[in-house]
Amino acid sequence: MGSSSRASAQKGVSGVSGIRLRSYSGHVYRFDPGALCLELLVTGGPGALIRHEVLHTPEDLARWADQSRLSPTPPALRITDDDVAYARRLRDALARTVVSRVCGGGLPELGIALADAADLDLVNEAAARPPLAPAIGADGSRRWADGPATGAQLLSTVARDAVDLLTGPYAQRIRMCAGDRCYLLYVDTSRPGRRRWCSMEHCGNRHKVRAHRVRRSGAEPVEQSGGDWPGSRAEVPEKG
């Protein structure tokens, strides 16, 4: 059974959040879904999303964690092949659960079924396991406790974040990007609550460019974002 056991380099606070995505056109942009559990959804998923799977090995899951809100990850994080398989199951259950919340059902065009009791059971099962232990660093910053950490703890932390999101004050602010054929999911944590796009540098910018062209031409606007999730993939791991 394969596993990934490594020392994770501590990263400085860059002030830039979000997962790096690459569209089919090759454009790389940052997508900040606003919650840890939603960051996991860009790694693949059920239905048509399976062809964009990026979690194949323990190293893949470790790289995703390094890009996520979990970063900087615990100094000694051990992930096994079983953890990767469980991560895919948890992610697919979360995808069906969140899509069902947002759309009021499944997403037939992507082959994503309506969430069922088994999906909630899986999320709750993962959340019931021991999570990663937080700690306060000598400089007063938040970090993860020293000592061994496992993939099961990592996934419990993700599942607990999902429970908090789906039962908390922002549960009604989980949305899907307004771009045509863009299915990326995010939680709008802005004060006015008017976020429309997965990313202003991607779908938001495309909309602005089209709106400008429409104003100049006088033609009727047509929404065509180019399609994301599954039109984009997470750069986990980085591929050329």
Protein backbone atom coordinates (compact mmCIF):
# COMPACT_ATOMS: atom_id res chain seq x y z
CA MET A 1 0.00 0.00 0.00
CA GLY A 2 1.48 3.33 -1.04
CA SER A 3 1.72 6.31 1.23
CA SER A 4 3.10 9.83 1.32
CA SER A 5 5.07 10.78 4.41
CA ARG A 6 6.94 14.05 4.17
CA ALA A 7 7.98 17.24 5.85
CA SER A 8 5.90 20.16 4.62
CA ALA A 9 7.70 23.47 4.19
CA GLN A 10 6.14 26.30 6.14
CA LYS A 11 4.71 28.94 3.82
CA GLY A 12 4.56 32.64 4.51
CA VAL A 13 1.24 34.47 4.43
CA SER A 14 0.96 35.74 0.86
CA GLY A 15 -2.40 37.41 1.22
CA VAL A 16 -3.55 35.55 -1.91
CA SER A 17 -6.19 32.87 -1.41
CA GLY A 18 -7.70 30.38 -3.77
CA ILE A 19 -6.92 27.25 -5.75
CA ARG A 20 -5.08 27.63 -9.04
CA LEU A 21 -7.22 26.39 -11.95
CA ARG A 22 -6.36 26.01 -15.62
CA SER A 23 -9.11 26.41 -18.22
CA TYR A 24 -9.23 24.46 -21.47
CA SER A 25 -7.81 27.52 -23.22
CA GLY A 26 -4.74 27.31 -20.97
CA HIS A 27 -5.62 30.37 -18.88
CA VAL A 28 -4.49 29.97 -15.26
CA TYR A 29 -6.50 31.81 -12.62
CA ARG A 30 -7.29 31.64 -8.93
CA PHE A 31 -10.64 30.44 -7.72
CA ASP A 32 -11.53 31.11 -4.09
CA PRO A 33 -14.72 29.20 -3.21
CA GLY A 34 -14.74 30.68 0.29
CA ALA A 35 -14.64 27.38 2.21
CA LEU A 36 -12.24 24.48 2.63
CA CYS A 37 -14.81 21.83 1.75
CA LEU A 38 -15.63 23.59 -1.53
CA GLU A 39 -11.94 23.69 -2.43
CA LEU A 40 -11.96 19.89 -2.53
CA LEU A 41 -14.67 19.91 -5.22
CA VAL A 42 -12.33 21.24 -7.93
CA THR A 43 -10.27 18.02 -7.90
CA GLY A 44 -12.81 15.99 -9.90
CA GLY A 45 -16.14 14.51 -8.91
CA PRO A 46 -19.07 12.31 -9.84
CA GLY A 47 -20.71 12.01 -13.25
CA ALA A 48 -18.97 13.88 -16.05
CA LEU A 49 -16.45 15.31 -13.61
CA ILE A 50 -14.69 11.95 -13.31
CA ARG A 51 -12.67 12.71 -16.44
CA HIS A 52 -11.03 15.61 -14.60
CA GLU A 53 -9.88 13.49 -11.67
CA VAL A 54 -6.56 14.70 -10.19
CA LEU A 55 -6.47 12.72 -6.94
CA HIS A 56 -4.70 9.52 -7.95
CA THR A 57 -1.88 9.16 -5.43
CA PRO A 58 -1.08 10.21 -1.86
CA GLU A 59 1.20 12.88 -3.31
CA ASP A 60 -1.73 14.37 -5.25
CA LEU A 61 -3.83 14.72 -2.10
CA ALA A 62 -0.86 16.24 -0.26
CA ARG A 63 -0.38 18.80 -3.05
CA TRP A 64 -4.05 19.74 -2.91
CA ALA A 65 -3.77 20.24 0.85
CA ASP A 66 -0.76 22.50 0.31
CA GLN A 67 -2.85 24.73 -2.00
CA SER A 68 -5.92 24.74 0.20
CA ARG A 69 -6.92 26.63 3.32
CA LEU A 70 -5.17 23.91 5.31
CA SER A 71 -1.81 25.37 4.27
CA PRO A 72 0.70 25.37 5.79
CA THR A 73 -0.04 21.70 6.30
CA PRO A 74 1.18 19.75 9.36
CA PRO A 75 4.95 19.21 9.41
CA ALA A 76 4.58 15.42 9.25
CA LEU A 77 1.51 14.48 7.23
CA ARG A 78 1.13 10.82 6.26
CA ILE A 79 -1.38 9.97 3.55
CA THR A 80 -2.11 6.45 2.31
CA ASP A 81 -3.75 5.06 -0.82
CA ASP A 82 -6.82 4.27 1.29
CA ASP A 83 -6.99 7.94 2.31
CA VAL A 84 -6.98 8.97 -1.36
CA ALA A 85 -9.83 6.59 -2.17
CA TYR A 86 -11.77 7.90 0.84
CA ALA A 87 -11.07 11.50 -0.23
CA ARG A 88 -12.64 10.81 -3.62
CA ARG A 89 -15.71 9.24 -2.00
CA LEU A 90 -16.07 12.14 0.44
CA ARG A 91 -15.63 14.70 -2.35
CA ASP A 92 -18.27 13.03 -4.53
CA ALA A 93 -20.72 12.90 -1.62
CA LEU A 94 -20.06 16.58 -0.90
CA ALA A 95 -20.52 17.48 -4.57
CA ARG A 96 -23.93 15.80 -4.71
CA THR A 97 -24.94 17.33 -1.39
CA VAL A 98 -23.94 20.89 -2.28
CA VAL A 99 -25.32 20.70 -5.83
CA SER A 100 -28.63 19.42 -4.46
CA ARG A 101 -28.74 22.36 -2.02
CA VAL A 102 -27.97 24.93 -4.70
CA CYS A 103 -30.02 23.50 -7.57
CA GLY A 104 -32.86 21.93 -5.61
CA GLY A 105 -31.93 18.57 -7.12
CA GLY A 106 -29.19 16.94 -9.13
CA LEU A 107 -27.40 18.31 -12.18
CA PRO A 108 -28.46 16.06 -15.08
CA GLU A 109 -26.27 17.80 -17.67
CA LEU A 110 -23.21 16.66 -15.71
CA GLY A 111 -24.66 13.33 -14.60
CA ILE A 112 -24.68 14.40 -10.93
CA ALA A 113 -27.49 12.68 -9.06
CA LEU A 114 -29.58 14.05 -6.22
CA ALA A 115 -27.87 13.55 -2.88
CA ASP A 116 -29.22 10.73 -0.74
CA ALA A 117 -28.94 9.56 2.87
CA ALA A 118 -25.75 7.64 2.07
CA ASP A 119 -24.02 10.87 1.07
CA LEU A 120 -24.90 12.57 4.35
CA ASP A 121 -23.88 9.45 6.26
CA LEU A 122 -20.45 9.55 4.62
CA VAL A 123 -19.93 13.24 5.43
CA ASN A 124 -21.02 12.68 9.02
CA GLU A 125 -18.84 9.58 9.34
CA ALA A 126 -15.78 11.53 8.21
CA ALA A 127 -16.63 14.46 10.50
CA ALA A 128 -16.92 12.13 13.49
CA ARG A 129 -13.29 11.08 13.19
CA PRO A 130 -10.50 12.98 15.00
CA PRO A 131 -9.52 16.11 12.99
CA LEU A 132 -6.20 17.89 12.66
CA ALA A 133 -5.31 19.62 15.91
CA PRO A 134 -4.86 23.41 15.70
CA ALA A 135 -2.22 25.22 17.74
CA ILE A 136 -0.90 28.72 18.38
CA GLY A 137 2.61 29.40 17.13
CA ALA A 138 5.28 31.29 19.06
CA ASP A 139 4.56 34.32 16.85
CA GLY A 140 0.87 34.16 17.72
CA SER A 141 -0.19 32.74 14.37
CA ARG A 142 -2.48 29.76 13.90
CA ARG A 143 -0.83 26.55 12.80
CA TRP A 144 -1.25 22.79 13.12
CA ALA A 145 0.06 20.94 16.16
CA ASP A 146 3.46 19.26 15.95
CA GLY A 147 3.63 15.52 15.67
CA PRO A 148 2.26 12.91 13.28
CA ALA A 149 -0.85 13.76 11.29
CA THR A 150 -2.82 11.46 9.02
CA GLY A 151 -4.91 11.67 5.88
CA ALA A 152 -7.93 10.56 7.92
CA GLN A 153 -7.48 13.60 10.18
CA LEU A 154 -7.13 15.85 7.14
CA LEU A 155 -10.39 14.56 5.66
CA SER A 156 -12.19 14.85 8.99
CA THR A 157 -11.20 18.52 9.04
CA VAL A 158 -12.69 18.94 5.54
CA ALA A 159 -15.90 17.15 6.54
CA ARG A 160 -16.30 19.25 9.69
CA ASP A 161 -15.92 22.37 7.57
CA ALA A 162 -18.75 21.07 5.36
CA VAL A 163 -20.98 20.51 8.40
CA ASP A 164 -20.24 24.05 9.62
CA LEU A 165 -20.94 25.53 6.18
CA LEU A 166 -24.14 23.61 5.43
CA THR A 167 -25.64 24.27 8.87
CA GLY A 168 -24.24 27.75 9.48
CA PRO A 169 -25.19 31.36 8.65
CA TYR A 170 -23.78 31.18 5.11
CA ALA A 171 -25.65 28.02 4.08
CA GLN A 172 -28.05 30.09 1.95
CA ARG A 173 -25.17 31.88 0.27
CA ILE A 174 -23.70 28.84 -1.46
CA ARG A 175 -23.99 29.54 -5.18
CA MET A 176 -22.95 28.44 -8.63
CA CYS A 177 -21.07 30.78 -10.95
CA ALA A 178 -23.40 32.84 -13.16
CA GLY A 179 -21.26 32.22 -16.23
CA ASP A 180 -22.88 30.12 -18.93
CA ARG A 181 -21.83 26.46 -18.55
CA CYS A 182 -19.71 27.33 -15.52
CA TYR A 183 -20.56 25.03 -12.62
CA LEU A 184 -18.01 26.13 -10.04
CA LEU A 185 -19.50 26.37 -6.55
CA TYR A 186 -18.64 29.01 -3.96
CA VAL A 187 -20.00 30.60 -0.80
CA ASP A 188 -20.51 34.35 -0.98
CA THR A 189 -19.04 35.76 2.22
CA SER A 190 -19.02 39.36 1.00
CA ARG A 191 -20.99 41.88 3.06
CA PRO A 192 -23.36 42.91 0.24
CA GLY A 193 -23.82 39.29 -0.87
CA ARG A 194 -23.70 40.12 -4.59
CA ARG A 195 -20.91 37.86 -5.82
CA ARG A 196 -21.78 36.37 -9.24
CA TRP A 197 -18.61 34.86 -10.62
CA CYS A 198 -16.21 32.06 -9.81
CA SER A 199 -13.39 34.52 -10.39
CA MET A 200 -13.34 38.11 -11.59
CA GLU A 201 -10.17 37.33 -13.55
CA HIS A 202 -11.97 34.58 -15.47
CA CYS A 203 -15.77 34.50 -15.86
CA GLY A 204 -16.13 38.01 -14.46
CA ASN A 205 -13.61 39.40 -16.94
CA ARG A 206 -15.19 37.50 -19.84
CA HIS A 207 -18.53 39.06 -18.94
CA LYS A 208 -17.05 42.57 -18.82
CA VAL A 209 -15.37 42.11 -22.20
CA ARG A 210 -18.59 40.82 -23.80
CA ALA A 211 -20.65 43.61 -22.23
CA HIS A 212 -18.22 46.20 -23.61
CA ARG A 213 -18.43 44.68 -27.09
CA VAL A 214 -22.22 44.62 -26.90
CA ARG A 215 -22.35 48.28 -25.92
CA ARG A 216 -20.14 49.16 -28.87
CA SER A 217 -22.04 47.03 -31.38
CA GLY A 218 -25.55 47.52 -30.06
CA ALA A 219 -26.16 43.76 -30.34
CA GLU A 220 -28.06 41.66 -27.82
CA PRO A 221 -25.80 40.17 -25.12
CA VAL A 222 -25.14 36.43 -25.23
CA GLU A 223 -23.65 34.69 -22.18
CA GLN A 224 -20.80 32.38 -23.18
CA SER A 225 -18.23 31.91 -20.47
CA GLY A 226 -16.38 29.06 -22.11
CA GLY A 227 -17.51 26.60 -19.44
CA ASP A 228 -15.81 25.63 -16.21
CA TRP A 229 -16.03 22.76 -13.75
CA PRO A 230 -15.69 20.65 -15.80
CA GLY A 231 -14.23 23.25 -18.20
CA SER A 232 -11.35 23.88 -15.79
CA ARG A 233 -9.14 21.58 -13.79
CA ALA A 234 -7.21 22.05 -10.60
CA GLU A 235 -3.48 22.22 -10.99
CA VAL A 236 -3.03 19.41 -8.47
CA PRO A 237 -0.51 18.24 -9.41
CA GLU A 238 0.89 20.85 -11.82
CA LYS A 239 0.77 19.63 -15.40
CA GLY A 240 2.12 21.37 -18.42
